[in-house]
């Protein structure tokens, strides 16, 4: 699996090995200069596959952006035993973004949830009551995030 990580203006691609015993970090690559070019992304993925043994890699899971989709197709064309799969978390994230943009009831619900959460977290007595009645759990606070799968 490949995931992208942005730290201090540098775009990293991280590579993970997923087996029955769990998920393990393989490597990371600075992709700032290559992430927009499908050919360069393909070359990077091909090197990772070769480094880990073509016979050992069955599936590559990557971002759904057009350049990564094209790179995945190129990789499947070269490696006949390998399958490219778009990231499900990214697909779901895009679907939820569409819901918020296109469904008024979703927009209203999200806006109300944000107001309620802000109201509760701005009053210490309500925070205490929340933690008491939920046995220490917190509300999920809305924030701008990047989807995460690792």
Protein backbone atom coordinates (compact mmCIF):
# COMPACT_ATOMS: atom_id res chain seq x y z
CA UNK A 1 0.00 0.00 0.00
CA UNK A 2 1.18 3.51 -0.77
CA UNK A 3 0.12 6.55 1.23
CA UNK A 4 1.07 10.20 0.86
CA UNK A 5 2.29 12.33 3.73
CA UNK A 6 3.04 16.06 3.67
CA UNK A 7 5.53 17.38 6.21
CA UNK A 8 7.01 20.88 6.13
CA UNK A 9 6.34 21.34 2.41
CA UNK A 10 7.82 17.96 1.43
CA UNK A 11 5.55 15.34 -0.15
CA UNK A 12 6.43 11.79 0.89
CA UNK A 13 5.08 8.54 -0.47
CA UNK A 14 5.20 5.85 2.18
CA UNK A 15 5.12 2.18 1.26
CA UNK A 16 3.62 -0.48 3.52
CA UNK A 17 3.65 -4.25 3.44
CA UNK A 18 0.37 -5.80 4.54
CA UNK A 19 0.41 -9.48 5.48
CA UNK A 20 -1.58 -11.74 7.81
CA UNK A 21 0.57 -10.75 10.81
CA UNK A 22 -0.06 -7.01 10.31
CA UNK A 23 1.15 -3.94 8.52
CA UNK A 24 4.84 -3.08 8.21
CA UNK A 25 6.62 0.04 6.96
CA UNK A 26 8.82 -0.62 3.91
CA UNK A 27 10.17 2.76 2.85
CA UNK A 28 9.38 6.36 2.03
CA UNK A 29 10.28 8.47 -1.00
CA UNK A 30 10.24 12.25 -1.47
CA UNK A 31 7.81 12.59 -4.39
CA UNK A 32 7.57 16.37 -4.54
CA UNK A 33 9.13 16.55 -8.03
CA UNK A 34 7.47 13.44 -9.48
CA UNK A 35 3.98 13.17 -7.98
CA UNK A 36 2.27 15.05 -10.84
CA UNK A 37 3.82 12.94 -13.62
CA UNK A 38 2.27 9.50 -14.24
CA UNK A 39 5.42 8.21 -15.98
CA UNK A 40 7.63 9.14 -13.02
CA UNK A 41 5.13 7.69 -10.53
CA UNK A 42 5.11 4.46 -12.58
CA UNK A 43 8.93 4.33 -12.51
CA UNK A 44 8.92 4.85 -8.73
CA UNK A 45 6.34 2.09 -8.20
CA UNK A 46 8.20 -0.24 -10.57
CA UNK A 47 11.42 0.22 -8.58
CA UNK A 48 9.58 -0.54 -5.31
CA UNK A 49 8.03 -3.69 -6.83
CA UNK A 50 11.43 -4.88 -8.17
CA UNK A 51 13.15 -4.14 -4.86
CA UNK A 52 10.65 -6.36 -3.03
CA UNK A 53 10.59 -9.07 -5.68
CA UNK A 54 8.03 -9.09 -8.49
CA UNK A 55 6.89 -12.55 -7.41
CA UNK A 56 6.14 -11.23 -3.88
CA UNK A 57 3.92 -8.30 -4.86
CA UNK A 58 0.32 -9.15 -5.66
CA UNK A 59 -1.48 -5.83 -5.22
CA UNK A 60 -0.61 -2.13 -5.17
CA UNK A 61 -3.07 0.24 -3.48
CA UNK A 62 -2.57 3.90 -4.38
CA UNK A 63 -4.31 7.26 -4.60
CA UNK A 64 -7.19 7.81 -7.04
CA UNK A 65 -5.75 10.93 -8.71
CA UNK A 66 -5.48 10.69 -12.50
CA UNK A 67 -1.68 10.49 -12.49
CA UNK A 68 -1.67 7.63 -9.96
CA UNK A 69 -4.48 5.85 -11.83
CA UNK A 70 -2.44 6.03 -15.03
CA UNK A 71 0.67 4.81 -13.20
CA UNK A 72 -1.30 1.89 -11.74
CA UNK A 73 -2.56 0.92 -15.20
CA UNK A 74 1.00 1.08 -16.59
CA UNK A 75 2.23 -1.07 -13.73
CA UNK A 76 -0.47 -3.70 -14.35
CA UNK A 77 0.46 -3.67 -18.05
CA UNK A 78 4.08 -4.43 -17.22
CA UNK A 79 3.57 -6.78 -14.26
CA UNK A 80 1.01 -9.37 -15.41
CA UNK A 81 0.62 -10.93 -11.91
CA UNK A 82 0.03 -7.61 -10.16
CA UNK A 83 -3.25 -5.79 -9.51
CA UNK A 84 -3.58 -2.06 -9.01
CA UNK A 85 -6.42 -0.98 -6.71
CA UNK A 86 -7.58 2.55 -5.93
CA UNK A 87 -7.57 3.48 -2.25
CA UNK A 88 -10.99 2.76 -0.74
CA UNK A 89 -10.51 5.34 2.02
CA UNK A 90 -9.89 8.00 -0.64
CA UNK A 91 -13.02 6.88 -2.56
CA UNK A 92 -15.16 7.13 0.58
CA UNK A 93 -13.64 10.52 1.43
CA UNK A 94 -14.56 11.82 -2.04
CA UNK A 95 -18.10 10.43 -1.73
CA UNK A 96 -18.60 12.11 1.65
CA UNK A 97 -17.28 15.41 0.25
CA UNK A 98 -19.82 15.13 -2.58
CA UNK A 99 -22.59 14.46 -0.06
CA UNK A 100 -21.70 17.58 1.87
CA UNK A 101 -21.62 19.70 -1.31
CA UNK A 102 -24.75 18.33 -2.97
CA UNK A 103 -27.17 17.24 -0.25
CA UNK A 104 -28.68 20.08 1.74
CA UNK A 105 -29.72 17.81 4.62
CA UNK A 106 -26.08 16.68 4.94
CA UNK A 107 -24.85 20.29 4.93
CA UNK A 108 -27.34 21.24 7.64
CA UNK A 109 -26.53 18.18 9.75
CA UNK A 110 -22.77 18.82 9.58
CA UNK A 111 -23.24 22.53 10.38
CA UNK A 112 -25.47 21.71 13.38
CA UNK A 113 -22.99 19.09 14.61
CA UNK A 114 -20.18 21.63 14.44
CA UNK A 115 -22.22 24.20 16.38
CA UNK A 116 -23.20 21.69 19.08
CA UNK A 117 -19.63 20.42 19.45
CA UNK A 118 -18.25 23.97 19.65
CA UNK A 119 -20.87 24.89 22.25
CA UNK A 120 -20.09 21.87 24.45
CA UNK A 121 -16.31 22.26 24.23
CA UNK A 122 -16.47 25.96 25.10
CA UNK A 123 -18.05 25.21 28.52
CA UNK A 124 -16.11 23.26 31.12
CA UNK A 125 -19.21 22.09 33.01
CA UNK A 126 -20.57 20.53 29.81
CA UNK A 127 -17.23 18.85 29.11
CA UNK A 128 -17.29 17.37 32.63
CA UNK A 129 -20.86 16.12 32.16
CA UNK A 130 -20.02 14.70 28.75
CA UNK A 131 -17.07 12.75 30.10
CA UNK A 132 -19.09 11.55 33.11
CA UNK A 133 -22.06 10.26 31.10
CA UNK A 134 -19.94 8.79 28.26
CA UNK A 135 -17.45 7.14 30.66
CA UNK A 136 -14.56 9.34 29.53
CA UNK A 137 -15.26 9.39 25.80
CA UNK A 138 -15.11 12.59 23.76
CA UNK A 139 -17.16 13.79 20.85
CA UNK A 140 -15.45 13.66 17.50
CA UNK A 141 -14.50 17.24 16.83
CA UNK A 142 -14.88 18.43 13.24
CA UNK A 143 -11.66 19.49 11.59
CA UNK A 144 -10.05 19.62 8.20
CA UNK A 145 -8.19 16.35 7.90
CA UNK A 146 -6.63 14.07 5.38
CA UNK A 147 -8.08 10.57 5.22
CA UNK A 148 -5.89 7.96 6.86
CA UNK A 149 -5.60 4.25 6.36
CA UNK A 150 -2.49 3.30 8.24
